PDB file of N, CA and C in Angstrom:
ATOM      1  N   MET A   1       6.966  13.034  11.931  1.00  0.00           N
ATOM      2  CA  MET A   1       6.533  11.633  11.128  1.00  0.00           C
ATOM      3  C   MET A   1       5.681  11.527   9.984  1.00  0.00           C
ATOM      4  N   ALA A   2       6.052  11.639   8.712  1.00  0.00           N
ATOM      5  CA  ALA A   2       5.036  11.581   7.103  1.00  0.00           C
ATOM      6  C   ALA A   2       4.560  10.660   6.837  1.00  0.00           C
ATOM      7  N   LYS A   3       2.703  10.581   6.807  1.00  0.00           N
ATOM      8  CA  LYS A   3       1.446   9.072   6.631  1.00  0.00           C
ATOM      9  C   LYS A   3       0.766   9.003   5.732  1.00  0.00           C
ATOM     10  N   GLY A   4       0.499   8.300   5.423  1.00  0.00           N
ATOM     11  CA  GLY A   4      -0.600   7.921   4.315  1.00  0.00           C
ATOM     12  C   GLY A   4      -0.982   7.237   4.240  1.00  0.00           C
ATOM     13  N   TYR A   5      -2.667   7.355   3.224  1.00  0.00           N
ATOM     14  CA  TYR A   5      -3.542   5.422   2.718  1.00  0.00           C
ATOM     15  C   TYR A   5      -2.732   5.860   1.220  1.00  0.00           C
ATOM     16  N   ILE A   6      -2.501   3.858   1.065  1.00  0.00           N
ATOM     17  CA  ILE A   6      -2.874   3.508   0.101  1.00  0.00           C
ATOM     18  C   ILE A   6      -3.718   3.287  -0.336  1.00  0.00           C
ATOM     19  N   LYS A   7      -4.283   3.261  -2.019  1.00  0.00           N
ATOM     20  CA  LYS A   7      -5.534   2.470  -2.288  1.00  0.00           C
ATOM     21  C   LYS A   7      -4.981   2.136  -2.951  1.00  0.00           C
ATOM     22  N   ILE A   8      -4.729   0.713  -3.597  1.00  0.00           N
ATOM     23  CA  ILE A   8      -4.385  -0.644  -3.696  1.00  0.00           C
ATOM     24  C   ILE A   8      -5.816  -1.625  -4.302  1.00  0.00           C
ATOM     25  N   TRP A   9      -5.538  -1.723  -5.897  1.00  0.00           N
ATOM     26  CA  TRP A   9      -5.765  -3.220  -6.130  1.00  0.00           C
ATOM     27  C   TRP A   9      -5.470  -3.986  -6.299  1.00  0.00           C
ATOM     28  N   CYS A  10      -5.885  -5.185  -6.486  1.00  0.00           N
ATOM     29  CA  CYS A  10      -4.996  -6.181  -6.609  1.00  0.00           C
ATOM     30  C   CYS A  10      -5.166  -7.018  -7.746  1.00  0.00           C
ATOM     31  N   HIS A  11      -4.174  -7.676  -8.482  1.00  0.00           N
ATOM     32  CA  HIS A  11      -4.636  -8.354  -9.627  1.00  0.00           C
ATOM     33  C   HIS A  11      -5.512  -9.831  -9.191  1.00  0.00           C
ATOM     34  N   THR A  12      -6.105 -10.120 -10.248  1.00  0.00           N
ATOM     35  CA  THR A  12      -7.315 -11.663  -9.098  1.00  0.00           C
ATOM     36  C   THR A  12      -6.694 -12.328  -9.316  1.00  0.00           C
ATOM     37  N   GLY A  13      -7.120 -13.003  -8.185  1.00  0.00           N
ATOM     38  CA  GLY A  13      -6.650 -13.890  -7.134  1.00  0.00           C
ATOM     39  C   GLY A  13      -5.401 -13.429  -6.239  1.00  0.00           C
ATOM     40  N   GLU A  14      -5.081 -12.622  -6.064  1.00  0.00           N
ATOM     41  CA  GLU A  14      -3.903 -12.714  -5.337  1.00  0.00           C
ATOM     42  C   GLU A  14      -3.870 -11.261  -3.671  1.00  0.00           C
ATOM     43  N   LEU A  15      -5.562 -11.333  -3.917  1.00  0.00           N
ATOM     44  CA  LEU A  15      -5.659 -10.064  -2.975  1.00  0.00           C
ATOM     45  C   LEU A  15      -4.506 -10.993  -1.380  1.00  0.00           C
ATOM     46  N   GLU A  16      -4.830 -11.507  -1.037  1.00  0.00           N
ATOM     47  CA  GLU A  16      -4.399 -12.169   0.386  1.00  0.00           C
ATOM     48  C   GLU A  16      -2.611 -12.220  -0.022  1.00  0.00           C
ATOM     49  N   ALA A  17      -2.008 -12.962  -1.281  1.00  0.00           N
ATOM     50  CA  ALA A  17      -0.674 -12.684  -1.351  1.00  0.00           C
ATOM     51  C   ALA A  17      -0.348 -11.415  -1.107  1.00  0.00           C
ATOM     52  N   THR A  18      -1.017 -10.000  -1.419  1.00  0.00           N
ATOM     53  CA  THR A  18      -1.323  -9.239  -1.664  1.00  0.00           C
ATOM     54  C   THR A  18      -0.601  -8.151  -0.391  1.00  0.00           C
ATOM     55  N   GLN A  19      -1.544  -8.839   0.542  1.00  0.00           N
ATOM     56  CA  GLN A  19      -2.286  -8.017   1.570  1.00  0.00           C
ATOM     57  C   GLN A  19      -0.652  -8.429   2.794  1.00  0.00           C
ATOM     58  N   LYS A  20      -0.676 -10.299   2.353  1.00  0.00           N
ATOM     59  CA  LYS A  20       0.603 -10.378   3.552  1.00  0.00           C
ATOM     60  C   LYS A  20       2.256 -10.393   3.303  1.00  0.00           C
ATOM     61  N   GLU A  21       2.191  -9.576   1.396  1.00  0.00           N
ATOM     62  CA  GLU A  21       3.553  -9.110   1.583  1.00  0.00           C
ATOM     63  C   GLU A  21       3.506  -8.050   2.089  1.00  0.00           C
ATOM     64  N   LEU A  22       2.720  -6.724   1.540  1.00  0.00           N
ATOM     65  CA  LEU A  22       2.465  -6.099   2.124  1.00  0.00           C
ATOM     66  C   LEU A  22       3.150  -5.533   3.397  1.00  0.00           C
ATOM     67  N   LEU A  23       2.016  -6.192   4.471  1.00  0.00           N
ATOM     68  CA  LEU A  23       2.443  -6.591   5.679  1.00  0.00           C
ATOM     69  C   LEU A  23       3.526  -6.932   6.374  1.00  0.00           C
ATOM     70  N   GLY A  24       4.160  -7.086   5.196  1.00  0.00           N
ATOM     71  CA  GLY A  24       6.110  -7.594   5.613  1.00  0.00           C
ATOM     72  C   GLY A  24       6.782  -6.691   5.741  1.00  0.00           C
ATOM     73  N   ILE A  25       5.936  -5.271   5.321  1.00  0.00           N
ATOM     74  CA  ILE A  25       7.594  -4.253   4.833  1.00  0.00           C
ATOM     75  C   ILE A  25       7.142  -3.364   6.168  1.00  0.00           C
ATOM     76  N   PRO A  26       7.920  -3.203   6.564  1.00  0.00           N
ATOM     77  CA  PRO A  26       8.103  -2.432   7.967  1.00  0.00           C
ATOM     78  C   PRO A  26       7.424  -1.025   8.026  1.00  0.00           C
ATOM     79  N   GLU A  27       7.482  -0.446   7.590  1.00  0.00           N
ATOM     80  CA  GLU A  27       6.665   1.096   6.700  1.00  0.00           C
ATOM     81  C   GLU A  27       4.868   1.080   6.898  1.00  0.00           C
ATOM     82  N   VAL A  28       3.940  -0.276   6.139  1.00  0.00           N
ATOM     83  CA  VAL A  28       2.956  -0.564   5.739  1.00  0.00           C
ATOM     84  C   VAL A  28       2.665  -1.096   7.322  1.00  0.00           C
ATOM     85  N   LYS A  29       1.670  -0.228   8.059  1.00  0.00           N
ATOM     86  CA  LYS A  29       1.648  -0.135   9.611  1.00  0.00           C
ATOM     87  C   LYS A  29       0.098  -0.857   9.344  1.00  0.00           C
ATOM     88  N   SER A  30      -0.203  -0.703   8.175  1.00  0.00           N
ATOM     89  CA  SER A  30      -1.903  -1.709   8.004  1.00  0.00           C
ATOM     90  C   SER A  30      -2.350  -1.998   6.943  1.00  0.00           C
ATOM     91  N   ALA A  31      -2.742  -3.221   6.020  1.00  0.00           N
ATOM     92  CA  ALA A  31      -3.363  -3.216   4.642  1.00  0.00           C
ATOM     93  C   ALA A  31      -4.134  -4.019   4.957  1.00  0.00           C
ATOM     94  N   GLU A  32      -5.343  -3.355   5.134  1.00  0.00           N
ATOM     95  CA  GLU A  32      -7.150  -3.970   5.164  1.00  0.00           C
ATOM     96  C   GLU A  32      -7.846  -4.058   4.179  1.00  0.00           C
ATOM     97  N   LEU A  33      -8.832  -5.393   4.107  1.00  0.00           N
ATOM     98  CA  LEU A  33      -9.613  -5.245   3.006  1.00  0.00           C
ATOM     99  C   LEU A  33     -10.230  -4.811   2.828  1.00  0.00           C
ATOM    100  N   THR A  34     -11.071  -4.054   1.621  1.00  0.00           N
ATOM    101  CA  THR A  34     -12.270  -2.923   1.739  1.00  0.00           C
ATOM    102  C   THR A  34     -13.189  -3.982   0.573  1.00  0.00           C
ATOM    103  N   ALA A  35     -14.231  -3.537   0.797  1.00  0.00           N
ATOM    104  CA  ALA A  35     -15.144  -3.125   0.020  1.00  0.00           C
ATOM    105  C   ALA A  35     -16.071  -2.204  -0.789  1.00  0.00           C
ATOM    106  N   GLY A  36     -14.913  -1.224  -0.642  1.00  0.00           N
ATOM    107  CA  GLY A  36     -14.994  -0.145  -1.787  1.00  0.00           C
ATOM    108  C   GLY A  36     -14.230  -0.449  -3.225  1.00  0.00           C
ATOM    109  N   GLU A  37     -14.431   0.683  -3.675  1.00  0.00           N
ATOM    110  CA  GLU A  37     -13.628   0.837  -5.149  1.00  0.00           C
ATOM    111  C   GLU A  37     -12.517   0.398  -4.484  1.00  0.00           C
ATOM    112  N   GLN A  38     -11.492  -0.042  -3.647  1.00  0.00           N
ATOM    113  CA  GLN A  38     -10.200  -0.631  -4.012  1.00  0.00           C
ATOM    114  C   GLN A  38     -10.520  -1.614  -2.987  1.00  0.00           C
ATOM    115  N   ASP A  39      -9.650  -2.487  -3.410  1.00  0.00           N
ATOM    116  CA  ASP A  39      -8.979  -4.295  -2.979  1.00  0.00           C
ATOM    117  C   ASP A  39      -8.597  -4.066  -0.675  1.00  0.00           C
ATOM    118  N   LEU A  40      -7.789  -2.988  -1.648  1.00  0.00           N
ATOM    119  CA  LEU A  40      -7.054  -2.632  -0.182  1.00  0.00           C
ATOM    120  C   LEU A  40      -6.910  -0.947   0.083  1.00  0.00           C
ATOM    121  N   ILE A  41      -6.990  -1.066   1.440  1.00  0.00           N
ATOM    122  CA  ILE A  41      -6.047   0.292   1.712  1.00  0.00           C
ATOM    123  C   ILE A  41      -5.365   0.121   2.894  1.00  0.00           C
ATOM    124  N   ALA A  42      -3.868   0.424   2.409  1.00  0.00           N
ATOM    125  CA  ALA A  42      -2.967  -0.346   3.395  1.00  0.00           C
ATOM    126  C   ALA A  42      -2.309   1.213   4.282  1.00  0.00           C
ATOM    127  N   MET A  43      -2.622   2.036   4.971  1.00  0.00           N
ATOM    128  CA  MET A  43      -1.783   2.962   6.469  1.00  0.00           C
ATOM    129  C   MET A  43       0.190   2.846   5.919  1.00  0.00           C
ATOM    130  N   VAL A  44       0.622   3.481   5.956  1.00  0.00           N
ATOM    131  CA  VAL A  44       2.198   3.257   5.746  1.00  0.00           C
ATOM    132  C   VAL A  44       2.977   4.494   6.507  1.00  0.00           C
ATOM    133  N   GLU A  45       3.327   4.968   6.926  1.00  0.00           N
ATOM    134  CA  GLU A  45       4.554   5.833   7.691  1.00  0.00           C
ATOM    135  C   GLU A  45       5.927   5.381   7.403  1.00  0.00           C
ATOM    136  N   ALA A  46       6.554   6.828   7.411  1.00  0.00           N
ATOM    137  CA  ALA A  46       7.597   6.674   7.581  1.00  0.00           C
ATOM    138  C   ALA A  46       8.515   8.216   7.258  1.00  0.00           C
ATOM    139  N   SER A  47       9.539   8.442   7.857  1.00  0.00           N
ATOM    140  CA  SER A  47      10.074   9.709   8.562  1.00  0.00           C
ATOM    141  C   SER A  47       9.651  11.812   6.536  1.00  0.00           C
ATOM    142  N   SER A  48       9.559  10.621   5.672  1.00  0.00           N
ATOM    143  CA  SER A  48       9.003  11.879   4.811  1.00  0.00           C
ATOM    144  C   SER A  48       8.707  11.635   3.752  1.00  0.00           C
ATOM    145  N   TYR A  49       7.889  12.502   3.020  1.00  0.00           N
ATOM    146  CA  TYR A  49       6.877  12.393   2.219  1.00  0.00           C
ATOM    147  C   TYR A  49       7.156  11.366   1.019  1.00  0.00           C
ATOM    148  N   GLU A  50       8.399  12.027   1.174  1.00  0.00           N
ATOM    149  CA  GLU A  50       9.597  11.188  -0.310  1.00  0.00           C
ATOM    150  C   GLU A  50      10.192   9.854  -0.324  1.00  0.00           C
ATOM    151  N   GLU A  51      10.092   9.930   1.125  1.00  0.00           N
ATOM    152  CA  GLU A  51      10.409   8.165   1.806  1.00  0.00           C
ATOM    153  C   GLU A  51       8.823   7.151   1.424  1.00  0.00           C
ATOM    154  N   ILE A  52       7.926   8.311   1.714  1.00  0.00           N
ATOM    155  CA  ILE A  52       6.543   7.685   1.483  1.00  0.00           C
ATOM    156  C   ILE A  52       6.337   6.592  -0.100  1.00  0.00           C
ATOM    157  N   LEU A  53       6.878   8.519  -0.971  1.00  0.00           N
ATOM    158  CA  LEU A  53       6.913   7.985  -2.168  1.00  0.00           C
ATOM    159  C   LEU A  53       7.935   7.436  -3.128  1.00  0.00           C
ATOM    160  N   ASN A  54       9.043   7.186  -2.426  1.00  0.00           N
ATOM    161  CA  ASN A  54       9.998   5.776  -2.761  1.00  0.00           C
ATOM    162  C   ASN A  54       9.272   4.453  -2.543  1.00  0.00           C
ATOM    163  N   LEU A  55       8.911   4.877  -1.249  1.00  0.00           N
ATOM    164  CA  LEU A  55       7.691   2.937  -0.848  1.00  0.00           C
ATOM    165  C   LEU A  55       6.815   2.732  -2.172  1.00  0.00           C
ATOM    166  N   VAL A  56       6.127   3.558  -2.775  1.00  0.00           N
ATOM    167  CA  VAL A  56       5.175   3.275  -3.432  1.00  0.00           C
ATOM    168  C   VAL A  56       5.857   2.764  -4.262  1.00  0.00           C
ATOM    169  N   VAL A  57       7.149   3.716  -5.054  1.00  0.00           N
ATOM    170  CA  VAL A  57       7.042   3.355  -6.730  1.00  0.00           C
ATOM    171  C   VAL A  57       8.028   2.419  -6.628  1.00  0.00           C
ATOM    172  N   LYS A  58       8.747   1.805  -5.047  1.00  0.00           N
ATOM    173  CA  LYS A  58      10.165   0.906  -5.307  1.00  0.00           C
ATOM    174  C   LYS A  58       9.551  -0.271  -4.851  1.00  0.00           C
ATOM    175  N   LYS A  59       8.577  -0.571  -3.833  1.00  0.00           N
ATOM    176  CA  LYS A  59       8.344  -1.420  -2.777  1.00  0.00           C
ATOM    177  C   LYS A  59       6.686  -1.647  -3.272  1.00  0.00           C
ATOM    178  N   ILE A  60       5.800  -0.436  -2.638  1.00  0.00           N
ATOM    179  CA  ILE A  60       4.317  -1.046  -3.581  1.00  0.00           C
ATOM    180  C   ILE A  60       3.940  -1.722  -4.256  1.00  0.00           C
ATOM    181  N   ARG A  61       4.177  -1.290  -5.580  1.00  0.00           N
ATOM    182  CA  ARG A  61       3.864  -1.125  -7.305  1.00  0.00           C
ATOM    183  C   ARG A  61       4.347  -2.305  -7.650  1.00  0.00           C
ATOM    184  N   ASN A  62       6.221  -2.667  -7.631  1.00  0.00           N
ATOM    185  CA  ASN A  62       6.927  -3.610  -7.635  1.00  0.00           C
ATOM    186  C   ASN A  62       6.069  -5.176  -7.058  1.00  0.00           C
ATOM    187  N   SER A  63       4.932  -4.740  -6.158  1.00  0.00           N
ATOM    188  CA  SER A  63       4.567  -6.180  -5.473  1.00  0.00           C
ATOM    189  C   SER A  63       3.877  -7.170  -6.912  1.00  0.00           C
ATOM    190  N   LYS A  64       3.881  -8.096  -6.974  1.00  0.00           N
ATOM    191  CA  LYS A  64       3.541  -9.379  -8.249  1.00  0.00           C
ATOM    192  C   LYS A  64       2.158  -8.852  -7.720  1.00  0.00           C
ATOM    193  N   GLY A  65       1.277  -8.269  -6.656  1.00  0.00           N
ATOM    194  CA  GLY A  65       0.420  -8.920  -7.282  1.00  0.00           C
ATOM    195  C   GLY A  65      -0.670  -7.756  -7.527  1.00  0.00           C
ATOM    196  N   VAL A  66       0.446  -6.266  -6.773  1.00  0.00           N
ATOM    197  CA  VAL A  66      -1.157  -4.806  -7.606  1.00  0.00           C
ATOM    198  C   VAL A  66      -1.189  -4.369  -8.574  1.00  0.00           C
ATOM    199  N   ARG A  67      -1.887  -4.302  -9.000  1.00  0.00           N
ATOM    200  CA  ARG A  67      -2.211  -3.601 -10.445  1.00  0.00           C
ATOM    201  C   ARG A  67      -2.362  -2.218 -10.623  1.00  0.00           C
ATOM    202  N   ASN A  68      -2.680  -1.169  -9.848  1.00  0.00           N
ATOM    203  CA  ASN A  68      -3.329   0.024  -9.023  1.00  0.00           C
ATOM    204  C   ASN A  68      -2.867   0.453  -7.944  1.00  0.00           C
ATOM    205  N   THR A  69      -2.672   1.967  -7.674  1.00  0.00           N
ATOM    206  CA  THR A  69      -2.257   2.519  -6.321  1.00  0.00           C
ATOM    207  C   THR A  69      -2.836   4.172  -6.491  1.00  0.00           C
ATOM    208  N   ILE A  70      -3.326   4.145  -5.905  1.00  0.00           N
ATOM    209  CA  ILE A  70      -3.714   5.674  -5.443  1.00  0.00           C
ATOM    210  C   ILE A  70      -3.214   5.853  -4.353  1.00  0.00           C
ATOM    211  N   THR A  71      -1.862   7.250  -4.396  1.00  0.00           N
ATOM    212  CA  THR A  71      -1.440   8.002  -2.500  1.00  0.00           C
ATOM    213  C   THR A  71      -2.057   8.917  -2.024  1.00  0.00           C
ATOM    214  N   ASN A  72      -3.172   8.313  -0.981  1.00  0.00           N
ATOM    215  CA  ASN A  72      -3.497   9.322  -0.077  1.00  0.00           C
ATOM    216  C   ASN A  72      -2.545   9.916   0.815  1.00  0.00           C
ATOM    217  N   LEU A  73      -1.677  11.200   1.374  1.00  0.00           N
ATOM    218  CA  LEU A  73      -0.800  11.350   2.439  1.00  0.00           C
ATOM    219  C   LEU A  73      -2.222  12.705   3.144  1.00  0.00           C
ATOM    220  N   ILE A  74      -1.293  12.616   4.345  1.00  0.00           N
ATOM    221  CA  ILE A  74      -1.719  12.977   5.360  1.00  0.00           C
ATOM    222  C   ILE A  74      -1.311  14.232   5.841  1.00  0.00           C
ATOM    223  N   LEU A  75      -1.955  14.699   5.351  1.00  0.00           N
ATOM    224  CA  LEU A  75      -1.210  16.641   6.092  1.00  0.00           C
ATOM    225  C   LEU A  75      -1.020  16.678   7.251  1.00  0.00           C
TER     226      LEU A  75
END
């Protein structure tokens, strides 16, 4: 099982809607609001790191409220 943390920056006014949308994606196990440099941190799980890459590129980054992401894979 591949796991990773996705740091997510949201467009102004889109934080809660983005969190709700992300939590509707089966691979997203949590999406927490933060007081750090990013707006949200999501924990994701998939069968491979390639699937995590596809998840970030095709689903998370395409979310209307997402402005930027950084992916940290758990080894």
